[in-house]
Amino acid sequence: MIKKEVIYNGNEKQFFATDDPDKVIIRYKDVAVAFNNVKRARFEGKGELSNKISALLLGYLRDCGIRNHFIERVGDNEQLCRRIEILPIEVIVRNRVAGSLAARLGIEEGLKPDNLIVELRYNDDELDDPFINRDLAVALGLVSYAEIDGIVAEAKKANEVLKDLFHRIGIELVDVKLEFGRATDNGEIILSDEVSPDTSRLWDEQTGERLDKDRFRLDLSDVVASYRNVYERLTTVLKEN
């Protein structure tokens, strides 16, 4: 596979065209951003760890029947993926109340509700990613009702698979943000982007220690060490792609 020109340069990842129009190479940067790019910093080695963690998790999800864009890891910081036309919808699945949800509702972080919480957000930084519902998603022309219902159902399945996997290595999946897109090769809507400590909250089951991007958001230090902790635990139960 030949890597060609940059087709998208994001805050934390770069996307490169390849000699196959339906495949891209994604390179993870040593950069962390938070609060819609208000806070930004560089961490040596973060890109490699995020790439390896996401490759492990996307490969595992694929093996469990959750279709996604990941094909294989092709370098320490890079992975080969199916090319996607991303849908500007974030699906946030919450097993506990934490982060912005706790702040909005005035609830102490850590509340574990009896039900699963699923939020939809319109992915637009200029609008600060406003909350939407399935009716708005359809009204905006982003998806049909059948498609958004399928996306939410797939997100719930992915959450269950990931929650069980992390429990096996002593980590609680508090929440996870998932994105979906249409594959350019056949138009199917599949899980896209990444699954990593950048897009999920991960708490150590014994100590409650945060092992995710909240270490950067909340100035808790040891960002790279925490990501490495997650990666090393995952490699005890998953084979690298």
C-alpha atoms as a PDB file:
ATOM      1  CA  MET A   1       0.000   0.000   0.000  1.00  0.00           C
ATOM      2  CA  ILE A   2       1.509   3.343  -1.067  1.00  0.00           C
ATOM      3  CA  LYS A   3       0.935   6.350   1.209  1.00  0.00           C
ATOM      4  CA  LYS A   4       0.215   9.491  -0.773  1.00  0.00           C
ATOM      5  CA  GLU A   5      -0.828  13.071   0.051  1.00  0.00           C
ATOM      6  CA  VAL A   6      -2.477  14.341   3.239  1.00  0.00           C
ATOM      7  CA  ILE A   7      -6.227  14.577   2.702  1.00  0.00           C
ATOM      8  CA  TYR A   8      -7.124  15.770   6.195  1.00  0.00           C
ATOM      9  CA  ASN A   9      -4.974  17.213   8.963  1.00  0.00           C
ATOM     10  CA  GLY A  10      -6.829  17.035  12.271  1.00  0.00           C
ATOM     11  CA  ASN A  11      -5.850  18.087  15.757  1.00  0.00           C
ATOM     12  CA  GLU A  12      -4.680  14.634  16.847  1.00  0.00           C
ATOM     13  CA  LYS A  13      -4.574  12.623  13.610  1.00  0.00           C
ATOM     14  CA  GLN A  14      -3.576  12.974   9.955  1.00  0.00           C
ATOM     15  CA  PHE A  15      -5.300  11.125   7.117  1.00  0.00           C
ATOM     16  CA  PHE A  16      -3.349  10.132   4.016  1.00  0.00           C
ATOM     17  CA  ALA A  17      -4.654   8.963   0.664  1.00  0.00           C
ATOM     18  CA  THR A  18      -3.296   5.693  -0.697  1.00  0.00           C
ATOM     19  CA  ASP A  19      -3.064   4.077  -4.125  1.00  0.00           C
ATOM     20  CA  ASP A  20      -6.450   2.483  -3.321  1.00  0.00           C
ATOM     21  CA  PRO A  21      -9.193   5.159  -3.410  1.00  0.00           C
ATOM     22  CA  ASP A  22     -11.201   3.283  -0.781  1.00  0.00           C
ATOM     23  CA  LYS A  23      -8.404   3.027   1.790  1.00  0.00           C
ATOM     24  CA  VAL A  24      -6.568   5.595   3.904  1.00  0.00           C
ATOM     25  CA  ILE A  25      -3.630   5.593   6.285  1.00  0.00           C
ATOM     26  CA  ILE A  26      -4.287   7.337   9.599  1.00  0.00           C
ATOM     27  CA  ARG A  27      -1.332   8.708  11.552  1.00  0.00           C
ATOM     28  CA  TYR A  28      -1.757   9.456  15.263  1.00  0.00           C
ATOM     29  CA  LYS A  29       0.038  12.563  16.526  1.00  0.00           C
ATOM     30  CA  ASP A  30       1.778  13.169  19.847  1.00  0.00           C
ATOM     31  CA  VAL A  31      -0.862  15.812  20.591  1.00  0.00           C
ATOM     32  CA  ALA A  32      -3.743  16.070  23.047  1.00  0.00           C
ATOM     33  CA  VAL A  33      -6.565  18.580  22.733  1.00  0.00           C
ATOM     34  CA  ALA A  34      -9.544  19.180  24.998  1.00  0.00           C
ATOM     35  CA  PHE A  35     -12.556  21.467  25.311  1.00  0.00           C
ATOM     36  CA  ASN A  36     -12.855  21.866  21.524  1.00  0.00           C
ATOM     37  CA  ASN A  37      -9.181  22.741  21.085  1.00  0.00           C
ATOM     38  CA  VAL A  38      -9.144  25.364  23.862  1.00  0.00           C
ATOM     39  CA  LYS A  39      -6.518  23.284  25.670  1.00  0.00           C
ATOM     40  CA  ARG A  40      -3.662  21.739  23.713  1.00  0.00           C
ATOM     41  CA  ALA A  41      -0.345  20.056  24.539  1.00  0.00           C
ATOM     42  CA  ARG A  42       2.255  17.681  23.113  1.00  0.00           C
ATOM     43  CA  PHE A  43       3.144  14.378  24.807  1.00  0.00           C
ATOM     44  CA  GLU A  44       6.012  12.324  23.419  1.00  0.00           C
ATOM     45  CA  GLY A  45       4.834   8.797  22.701  1.00  0.00           C
ATOM     46  CA  LYS A  46       1.106   9.468  23.018  1.00  0.00           C
ATOM     47  CA  GLY A  47       0.454   8.988  19.306  1.00  0.00           C
ATOM     48  CA  GLU A  48       2.051   5.560  19.265  1.00  0.00           C
ATOM     49  CA  LEU A  49       0.084   4.409  22.308  1.00  0.00           C
ATOM     50  CA  SER A  50      -3.228   5.783  21.038  1.00  0.00           C
ATOM     51  CA  ASN A  51      -2.660   4.066  17.697  1.00  0.00           C
ATOM     52  CA  LYS A  52      -1.771   0.721  19.259  1.00  0.00           C
ATOM     53  CA  ILE A  53      -4.661   0.829  21.743  1.00  0.00           C
ATOM     54  CA  SER A  54      -7.181   1.790  19.066  1.00  0.00           C
ATOM     55  CA  ALA A  55      -5.863  -0.927  16.741  1.00  0.00           C
ATOM     56  CA  LEU A  56      -6.286  -3.535  19.484  1.00  0.00           C
ATOM     57  CA  LEU A  57      -9.802  -2.382  20.357  1.00  0.00           C
ATOM     58  CA  LEU A  58     -11.074  -1.918  16.800  1.00  0.00           C
ATOM     59  CA  GLY A  59      -9.633  -5.297  15.827  1.00  0.00           C
ATOM     60  CA  TYR A  60     -11.333  -6.910  18.807  1.00  0.00           C
ATOM     61  CA  LEU A  61     -14.651  -5.204  18.047  1.00  0.00           C
ATOM     62  CA  ARG A  62     -14.415  -6.421  14.452  1.00  0.00           C
ATOM     63  CA  ASP A  63     -13.761  -9.965  15.653  1.00  0.00           C
ATOM     64  CA  CYS A  64     -16.869  -9.634  17.860  1.00  0.00           C
ATOM     65  CA  GLY A  65     -19.050  -8.666  14.890  1.00  0.00           C
ATOM     66  CA  ILE A  66     -18.927  -4.857  15.249  1.00  0.00           C
ATOM     67  CA  ARG A  67     -18.123  -3.657  11.732  1.00  0.00           C
ATOM     68  CA  ASN A  68     -15.615  -0.795  11.596  1.00  0.00           C
ATOM     69  CA  HIS A  69     -13.102   0.869   9.320  1.00  0.00           C
ATOM     70  CA  PHE A  70      -9.935  -0.687  10.793  1.00  0.00           C
ATOM     71  CA  ILE A  71      -7.921  -3.037   8.550  1.00  0.00           C
ATOM     72  CA  GLU A  72      -4.477  -3.362  10.137  1.00  0.00           C
ATOM     73  CA  ARG A  73      -1.748  -1.466  11.952  1.00  0.00           C
ATOM     74  CA  VAL A  74       1.040  -0.525   9.521  1.00  0.00           C
ATOM     75  CA  GLY A  75       3.463   1.264  11.864  1.00  0.00           C
ATOM     76  CA  ASP A  76       3.938   2.471  15.404  1.00  0.00           C
ATOM     77  CA  ASN A  77       1.817   5.562  14.720  1.00  0.00           C
ATOM     78  CA  GLU A  78      -0.165   4.455  11.672  1.00  0.00           C
ATOM     79  CA  GLN A  79      -3.017   2.164  10.700  1.00  0.00           C
ATOM     80  CA  LEU A  80      -4.647   1.269   7.405  1.00  0.00           C
ATOM     81  CA  CYS A  81      -8.408   1.806   7.320  1.00  0.00           C
ATOM     82  CA  ARG A  82     -11.328   1.783   4.936  1.00  0.00           C
ATOM     83  CA  ARG A  83     -12.083   5.267   3.660  1.00  0.00           C
ATOM     84  CA  ILE A  84     -15.124   6.778   5.308  1.00  0.00           C
ATOM     85  CA  GLU A  85     -17.437   9.703   4.705  1.00  0.00           C
ATOM     86  CA  ILE A  86     -17.877  10.580   8.346  1.00  0.00           C
ATOM     87  CA  LEU A  87     -21.329  11.355   9.727  1.00  0.00           C
ATOM     88  CA  PRO A  88     -21.220  14.480  11.952  1.00  0.00           C
ATOM     89  CA  ILE A  89     -22.881  12.677  14.855  1.00  0.00           C
ATOM     90  CA  GLU A  90     -21.179  11.715  18.108  1.00  0.00           C
ATOM     91  CA  VAL A  91     -22.769   8.866  20.040  1.00  0.00           C
ATOM     92  CA  ILE A  92     -21.791   8.945  23.712  1.00  0.00           C
ATOM     93  CA  VAL A  93     -22.648   5.834  25.692  1.00  0.00           C
ATOM     94  CA  ARG A  94     -22.469   6.340  29.462  1.00  0.00           C
ATOM     95  CA  ASN A  95     -22.324   3.570  32.039  1.00  0.00           C
ATOM     96  CA  ARG A  96     -21.794   6.119  34.810  1.00  0.00           C
ATOM     97  CA  VAL A  97     -22.445   9.851  35.115  1.00  0.00           C
ATOM     98  CA  ALA A  98     -19.137  11.681  34.707  1.00  0.00           C
ATOM     99  CA  GLY A  99     -17.469  14.648  33.048  1.00  0.00           C
ATOM    100  CA  SER A 100     -19.648  17.219  31.333  1.00  0.00           C
ATOM    101  CA  LEU A 101     -22.869  15.327  32.082  1.00  0.00           C
ATOM    102  CA  ALA A 102     -22.229  15.474  35.828  1.00  0.00           C
ATOM    103  CA  ALA A 103     -21.411  19.188  35.570  1.00  0.00           C
ATOM    104  CA  ARG A 104     -24.540  19.981  33.525  1.00  0.00           C
ATOM    105  CA  LEU A 105     -26.857  18.175  35.925  1.00  0.00           C
ATOM    106  CA  GLY A 106     -25.103  19.155  39.150  1.00  0.00           C
ATOM    107  CA  ILE A 107     -24.540  15.496  40.003  1.00  0.00           C
ATOM    108  CA  GLU A 108     -21.472  14.115  41.696  1.00  0.00           C
ATOM    109  CA  GLU A 109     -19.318  12.102  39.320  1.00  0.00           C
ATOM    110  CA  GLY A 110     -19.634   8.352  39.601  1.00  0.00           C
ATOM    111  CA  LEU A 111     -23.402   7.881  39.824  1.00  0.00           C
ATOM    112  CA  LYS A 112     -24.251   4.520  38.274  1.00  0.00           C
ATOM    113  CA  PRO A 113     -27.827   4.604  36.964  1.00  0.00           C
ATOM    114  CA  ASP A 114     -29.983   1.518  36.488  1.00  0.00           C
ATOM    115  CA  ASN A 115     -30.312   2.319  32.795  1.00  0.00           C
ATOM    116  CA  LEU A 116     -27.775   2.952  30.035  1.00  0.00           C
ATOM    117  CA  ILE A 117     -27.469   6.603  28.965  1.00  0.00           C
ATOM    118  CA  VAL A 118     -27.000   7.369  25.253  1.00  0.00           C
ATOM    119  CA  GLU A 119     -26.422  10.934  24.063  1.00  0.00           C
ATOM    120  CA  LEU A 120     -26.267  12.271  20.514  1.00  0.00           C
ATOM    121  CA  ARG A 121     -24.267  15.361  19.624  1.00  0.00           C
ATOM    122  CA  TYR A 122     -23.951  17.248  16.341  1.00  0.00           C
ATOM    123  CA  ASN A 123     -20.210  17.205  15.653  1.00  0.00           C
ATOM    124  CA  ASP A 124     -19.443  20.857  14.917  1.00  0.00           C
ATOM    125  CA  ASP A 125     -16.717  22.608  16.921  1.00  0.00           C
ATOM    126  CA  GLU A 126     -17.945  26.080  15.977  1.00  0.00           C
ATOM    127  CA  LEU A 127     -21.326  25.264  17.526  1.00  0.00           C
ATOM    128  CA  ASP A 128     -19.665  23.547  20.519  1.00  0.00           C
ATOM    129  CA  ASP A 129     -21.064  20.135  19.504  1.00  0.00           C
ATOM    130  CA  PRO A 130     -24.702  20.761  20.498  1.00  0.00           C
ATOM    131  CA  PHE A 131     -26.947  17.969  21.727  1.00  0.00           C
ATOM    132  CA  ILE A 132     -29.468  16.603  19.244  1.00  0.00           C
ATOM    133  CA  ASN A 133     -31.986  13.750  19.198  1.00  0.00           C
ATOM    134  CA  ARG A 134     -32.947  11.249  16.526  1.00  0.00           C
ATOM    135  CA  ASP A 135     -35.605  13.599  15.097  1.00  0.00           C
ATOM    136  CA  LEU A 136     -33.068  16.404  14.665  1.00  0.00           C
ATOM    137  CA  ALA A 137     -30.549  14.017  13.117  1.00  0.00           C
ATOM    138  CA  VAL A 138     -33.168  13.115  10.503  1.00  0.00           C
ATOM    139  CA  ALA A 139     -34.359  16.723  10.073  1.00  0.00           C
ATOM    140  CA  LEU A 140     -30.786  17.843   9.374  1.00  0.00           C
ATOM    141  CA  GLY A 141     -30.562  15.266   6.607  1.00  0.00           C
ATOM    142  CA  LEU A 142     -27.727  13.390   8.295  1.00  0.00           C
ATOM    143  CA  VAL A 143     -29.431   9.980   8.457  1.00  0.00           C
ATOM    144  CA  SER A 144     -32.766   8.240   8.156  1.00  0.00           C
ATOM    145  CA  TYR A 145     -34.674   6.971  11.195  1.00  0.00           C
ATOM    146  CA  ALA A 146     -33.652   3.415  10.366  1.00  0.00           C
ATOM    147  CA  GLU A 147     -30.006   4.475  10.104  1.00  0.00           C
ATOM    148  CA  ILE A 148     -29.859   6.409  13.391  1.00  0.00           C
ATOM    149  CA  ASP A 149     -31.624   3.557  15.194  1.00  0.00           C
ATOM    150  CA  GLY A 150     -29.080   1.139  13.722  1.00  0.00           C
ATOM    151  CA  ILE A 151     -26.200   3.394  14.777  1.00  0.00           C
ATOM    152  CA  VAL A 152     -27.446   3.624  18.369  1.00  0.00           C
ATOM    153  CA  ALA A 153     -28.000  -0.136  18.525  1.00  0.00           C
ATOM    154  CA  GLU A 154     -24.459  -0.769  17.230  1.00  0.00           C
ATOM    155  CA  ALA A 155     -23.041   1.723  19.738  1.00  0.00           C
ATOM    156  CA  LYS A 156     -24.777  -0.113  22.577  1.00  0.00           C
ATOM    157  CA  LYS A 157     -23.346  -3.430  21.350  1.00  0.00           C
ATOM    158  CA  ALA A 158     -19.856  -1.942  21.139  1.00  0.00           C
ATOM    159  CA  ASN A 159     -20.205  -0.575  24.668  1.00  0.00           C
ATOM    160  CA  GLU A 160     -21.132  -4.011  26.038  1.00  0.00           C
ATOM    161  CA  VAL A 161     -18.217  -5.694  24.266  1.00  0.00           C
ATOM    162  CA  LEU A 162     -15.740  -3.060  25.469  1.00  0.00           C
ATOM    163  CA  LYS A 163     -17.132  -2.983  29.006  1.00  0.00           C
ATOM    164  CA  ASP A 164     -16.645  -6.738  29.347  1.00  0.00           C
ATOM    165  CA  LEU A 165     -13.145  -6.592  27.842  1.00  0.00           C
ATOM    166  CA  PHE A 166     -11.971  -3.814  30.153  1.00  0.00           C
ATOM    167  CA  HIS A 167     -13.450  -5.579  33.175  1.00  0.00           C
ATOM    168  CA  ARG A 168     -11.233  -8.555  32.366  1.00  0.00           C
ATOM    169  CA  ILE A 169      -8.169  -6.341  32.862  1.00  0.00           C
ATOM    170  CA  GLY A 170      -9.413  -4.535  35.971  1.00  0.00           C
ATOM    171  CA  ILE A 171     -10.613  -1.352  34.277  1.00  0.00           C
ATOM    172  CA  GLU A 172     -14.133   0.094  34.303  1.00  0.00           C
ATOM    173  CA  LEU A 173     -15.450   1.611  31.089  1.00  0.00           C
ATOM    174  CA  VAL A 174     -17.240   4.682  32.432  1.00  0.00           C
ATOM    175  CA  ASP A 175     -18.258   6.068  29.044  1.00  0.00           C
ATOM    176  CA  VAL A 176     -17.227   5.974  25.397  1.00  0.00           C
ATOM    177  CA  LYS A 177     -17.685   8.373  22.482  1.00  0.00           C
ATOM    178  CA  LEU A 178     -18.223   6.649  19.144  1.00  0.00           C
ATOM    179  CA  GLU A 179     -18.408   7.993  15.599  1.00  0.00           C
ATOM    180  CA  PHE A 180     -19.799   6.378  12.473  1.00  0.00           C
ATOM    181  CA  GLY A 181     -19.467   6.937   8.750  1.00  0.00           C
ATOM    182  CA  ARG A 182     -20.362   5.616   5.316  1.00  0.00           C
ATOM    183  CA  ALA A 183     -17.694   3.409   3.743  1.00  0.00           C
ATOM    184  CA  THR A 184     -16.801   4.699   0.270  1.00  0.00           C
ATOM    185  CA  ASP A 185     -16.474   1.176  -1.139  1.00  0.00           C
ATOM    186  CA  ASN A 186     -20.050   0.040  -0.494  1.00  0.00           C
ATOM    187  CA  GLY A 187     -21.898   2.812   1.383  1.00  0.00           C
ATOM    188  CA  GLU A 188     -22.505   0.821   4.569  1.00  0.00           C
ATOM    189  CA  ILE A 189     -22.539   2.744   7.837  1.00  0.00           C
ATOM    190  CA  ILE A 190     -19.846   1.430  10.164  1.00  0.00           C
ATOM    191  CA  LEU A 191     -17.968   2.418  13.306  1.00  0.00           C
ATOM    192  CA  SER A 192     -15.158   4.826  12.448  1.00  0.00           C
ATOM    193  CA  ASP A 193     -12.515   7.138  13.949  1.00  0.00           C
ATOM    194  CA  GLU A 194     -10.861   5.599  17.046  1.00  0.00           C
ATOM    195  CA  VAL A 195     -11.524   3.880  20.357  1.00  0.00           C
ATOM    196  CA  SER A 196      -8.877   4.800  22.905  1.00  0.00           C
ATOM    197  CA  PRO A 197      -8.318   6.648  26.200  1.00  0.00           C
ATOM    198  CA  ASP A 198      -8.846   9.800  24.113  1.00  0.00           C
ATOM    199  CA  THR A 199     -12.468   8.843  23.430  1.00  0.00           C
ATOM    200  CA  SER A 200     -13.444   7.005  26.602  1.00  0.00           C
ATOM    201  CA  ARG A 201     -13.249   7.287  30.371  1.00  0.00           C
ATOM    202  CA  LEU A 202     -11.375   4.424  31.979  1.00  0.00           C
ATOM    203  CA  TRP A 203     -11.138   4.046  35.756  1.00  0.00           C
ATOM    204  CA  ASP A 204      -9.060   1.471  37.570  1.00  0.00           C
ATOM    205  CA  GLU A 205     -11.559  -0.837  39.294  1.00  0.00           C
ATOM    206  CA  GLN A 206      -9.524  -1.122  42.489  1.00  0.00           C
ATOM    207  CA  THR A 207      -8.207   2.412  42.990  1.00  0.00           C
ATOM    208  CA  GLY A 208     -10.535   4.582  40.912  1.00  0.00           C
ATOM    209  CA  GLU A 209      -7.483   6.088  39.205  1.00  0.00           C
ATOM    210  CA  ARG A 210      -8.276   7.745  35.889  1.00  0.00           C
ATOM    211  CA  LEU A 211      -6.407   6.188  32.975  1.00  0.00           C
ATOM    212  CA  ASP A 212      -7.722   8.356  30.148  1.00  0.00           C
ATOM    213  CA  LYS A 213      -7.652  11.866  28.688  1.00  0.00           C
ATOM    214  CA  ASP A 214      -9.111  13.282  31.905  1.00  0.00           C
ATOM    215  CA  ARG A 215      -5.523  13.187  33.158  1.00  0.00           C
ATOM    216  CA  PHE A 216      -4.852  15.935  30.611  1.00  0.00           C
ATOM    217  CA  ARG A 217      -8.186  17.721  31.004  1.00  0.00           C
ATOM    218  CA  LEU A 218      -7.839  17.892  34.798  1.00  0.00           C
ATOM    219  CA  ASP A 219      -4.051  18.449  34.959  1.00  0.00           C
ATOM    220  CA  LEU A 220      -3.456  15.139  36.752  1.00  0.00           C
ATOM    221  CA  SER A 221      -0.098  14.476  34.980  1.00  0.00           C
ATOM    222  CA  ASP A 222       1.251  11.083  33.868  1.00  0.00           C
ATOM    223  CA  VAL A 223      -0.798  11.094  30.655  1.00  0.00           C
ATOM    224  CA  VAL A 224       1.552   8.850  28.678  1.00  0.00           C
ATOM    225  CA  ALA A 225       2.192   6.533  31.638  1.00  0.00           C
ATOM    226  CA  SER A 226      -1.563   6.018  32.063  1.00  0.00           C
ATOM    227  CA  TYR A 227      -2.048   5.245  28.365  1.00  0.00           C
ATOM    228  CA  ARG A 228       0.855   2.801  28.545  1.00  0.00           C
ATOM    229  CA  ASN A 229      -0.811   1.155  31.553  1.00  0.00           C
ATOM    230  CA  VAL A 230      -3.977   0.598  29.502  1.00  0.00           C
ATOM    231  CA  TYR A 231      -2.014  -0.701  26.512  1.00  0.00           C
ATOM    232  CA  GLU A 232       0.034  -3.147  28.566  1.00  0.00           C
ATOM    233  CA  ARG A 233      -3.060  -4.531  30.280  1.00  0.00           C
ATOM    234  CA  LEU A 234      -4.812  -4.984  26.936  1.00  0.00           C
ATOM    235  CA  THR A 235      -1.872  -6.922  25.499  1.00  0.00           C
ATOM    236  CA  THR A 236      -2.265  -9.493  28.277  1.00  0.00           C
ATOM    237  CA  VAL A 237      -5.595 -10.589  26.755  1.00  0.00           C
ATOM    238  CA  LEU A 238      -5.438  -9.438  23.127  1.00  0.00           C
ATOM    239  CA  LYS A 239      -3.030 -10.296  20.339  1.00  0.00           C
ATOM    240  CA  GLU A 240      -1.653  -7.299  18.472  1.00  0.00           C
ATOM    241  CA  ASN A 241      -2.789  -6.811  14.884  1.00  0.00           C
END
